[in-house]
Amino acid sequence: MEHVHLIALDEEDLYSGYNDYNPTYDTEELENDAAFQQALRTSHGRRPPMTAKIPNTAAGARSFGNMGARVPLASSMGRPATGAIQDGISVARPMTAVRAAGYTSAAYRGSAFDPLGQSRGPAAPLETKNEDTPEEKVKNLEKTVNELIEESCIANGRGDLQLALEKAKEAGRKERILVRQREQTASADHINLDLTYSVLFNLASQYAANDMYAEALNTYQVIVKNKMFNNAGRLKVNMANIYFKQRNYPKAIKFYRMALDQISSSHKEMRIKIMQNIGVVFVKMGQYTDAITSFEHIMSESPNLKTSFNLILCYFAIGDREKMKKAFQKLIVVPLGIDEDDKYIPPNDDPHMNLVIEAIKNDPLRQMERERKAMAERFIMTAAKLIAPAIEVSFAAGYDWCVEMVKASQYVELANDLEINKAITYLRQRDFNQAVETLKMFEKKDSRVKSAAATNLSFLYFLENDFGLADRYADLAMNADRYNPAALTNKGNCVFARGDYEKAAEFYKEALRNDSSFTEALYNLGLTYKKLNRLEEALDCFLKLHAIMRNSAQVMYQIASLYEMLEDLTQAIEWLMQLISVAPTDPQALAKLGDLYDNEGDKSQAFQYYYESFRYFPSNIEGIEWLGAYYIDTQFCEKAIQYFERAALIQPTQVKWQLMVASCYRRSGNYQKALETYKDIHRKFPENVECLRFLVRLCTDMGLKEVQEYATRLKKVEKMKELREQRVKSGRDGSARGRREGSASSGGRMLRWRTGGGRC
């Protein structure tokens, strides 16, 4: 031990530092280093190594400090930090790969972390575009033209056709300015042909929408003749449509065929539609054979409902029975392309599917399917009613054939409707017995058909004034379908005919609760309230009806009549004015308007409307009487004569019109003509006292010898008249006395009553 030299603690340890190491370089412990493992899982582990560059020195020159000093680690990646020496201080050097994150090569210690560069202040403003350059002007003009086209289309969609045309014209002017500017800038090769096409096409469409057909055709011609526009030949269809509206059918066919030649066979639907238009034009021209050729080709390629129906019409026009039958058979098998109704029946065990079906059972697609099916049923019913009288010896046999065909098709439910139409056809032919027999066959059918048949039977018996049977079948229809508004209305009509207006009103109200748009029930309810003198409620009914039926003359007349009953003559006149605007030749409405003006004291207006009424209906006695009285009041008796003579022709047994004619002659000073007229009246009506009195007066004034004869006749006629009146009076008294005696007699025997020589 004495040879062992111990080093003091304050002396330098020769082996110090050997066991000191940076744990970053301990590769054995890297698996347990959480920071290192996290770095491997992120993008930090894939960064390139850092390099150092000393600022303000030559490239590649390096300066190192104390080698013994340990360099602190710059990150958790285990890499020693590299940097530059500035003022004796080691500055960390940023990695070049993250320069965009906000680092710079001239970083200083203590500088704030600013990755977004907010400390540098706002960015410099963007460089403004120079709109004075030709290219910018052209772009702005193109944008303006496109906006004008869009505004024109939007205005057309709103129905403002005049504004749409103005916008289209403005777009055309702007587009021409655009073309000139491109030509001036020597960029004519860059003219936007699509924009030019859009402008011209929109302008032509707006011309056509505004019925300016010549201008539209000229614009379409400009497009069609320009070979630079692709597929412009299709617009000949539009030109053909315009010729069709102008009824220039030969040119319409010519352009349809030209368009058909320009459309390839790959566009099958378009070709079919054009051929259908060609067939319709042939129908308009009466060339049914050519139309049949077009329609038959369509039916062989792509059958549809409209073409099939048009084909039936053409066969009916040429009277080909067999082909009518074949066409009807084709019509009922045309595919509709819609889903079956079973698809919309919800299953009970799947709530999710129930919600889905509830959502789609009335969506727009379902509504479209209903419309298509309704159109098919309407075509079939119309075709059956059309061809039934023509395909067999009688219309009944024709209906039976149509019913059999329909029963074997997908439209089985239409068979019953055809049977009911058969009964209605009997009714129109006034074959009531056959109509009743046909309708009675439905008494054992299902409820809907039974109710419809009973409703028609009830109405039929009501028209025949057989209110008992009408009431019975109305009850039958109501029992089959309580919610049938027509059946309830018929029941109300039967009750109304018996005079029970309150109960009739209840039936009409119930019909309206089931169908608020059932106009017959609403009209009858208004009439019922009018009978009950509930004028305000009646007026409310007819005003509601007017909102539904704007041009109904009957509704307007009822409203005017109610206002007259409410003593509001101003409103009554206003509604009658609306009525004659709808029915200007209705003599009753014109006469009523004249009567209202007469009640208000406006004789000139009253004369105008009474005269118009007389012009349309010269046999109206009330109008004739008013006009004759008007001319007498205005001292134009000569003009009144022609009206009273017409009244005498209409009612030759009425002596008053002939007396009025004679009176007009007398008032106008034509006594000779008046005397002749009175003599003629006396020959026809020898016991007329008034005529004899005027004859006596005229003969006296004129100093004629016949005065004594007429005076004698007058006395005799007056005496006979007095005796007749006394006999009638005594007969009434005797009848009363006889009734008293009969009531007082016993035994109940029949008595002979003697009263004034008469026997009852």
Foldseek 3Di string as FASTA:
>chain_A
DVVDDDDDPPDDDPPPPPPDDDCLPVVVCLVVDPVQVVCVVDCNVVADDDDEDAPPDDPPDDDDDDPVDDQDCPDPNSDGFYYYADPNDGDGADHPVCVQQPDDRPDDPPDDRDRPPVVVDDDDDDDDDDCPDLVNVLVVLLVQLVVLLVVLVVCVVVVNLVSSLVSLVVSVVSLVVSCVSCVVVVNNVPRDVVSVVSSLQSNLVSCVVVVVLVVSLVSLVVQCPDPVDPPSLLCLQVNLVSCVVVVVLVSSLVSLVSNLVSDDVVPVVVNLVSLQVNLVSCVVVVVLVSSLVSLVVSCVPADDQVSLLVNLVSCVVVLPQVVNVVSLLSLLPRDLPDDDPVQLDADPPDVVSVVVSVVPCPDPVVVVSVVSVVVSLVSNLVSQVSCQCRNDVHSVVSLVVSLVSCCPGPNVVCSLVSLLVVLVVCVVVVVNVVSLVSLVVCCPPALVSVLVSLLVVLVSVVVVVVLVSSLVSLVSSCVSPVLQLSSLQSNLVSVVVVVPLVVSLVSLVSSCVSPVLPLSSLQVNLVSCVVVVVLVVSLVSLVVSCVVVVLDLVSLQSNLVSCVVVVNLVVSLVSLVVSCVSVVLDLVSLQVNLVSCVVVVNNVSSLVSLVSSCVSPVQDLVSLVVNLVVCVVVVNLVVNLVSLVSPCVNPVPDLVSLLSNLVSCVSVPVLVVSLVSLVVSCVVVVLDLVSLVVNLVSCVVVVHPCNVVSVVSNVVSVVVVVVVVVQVVQVVVQVVVVVVVQVPDPPNDDDWGATPNDTD
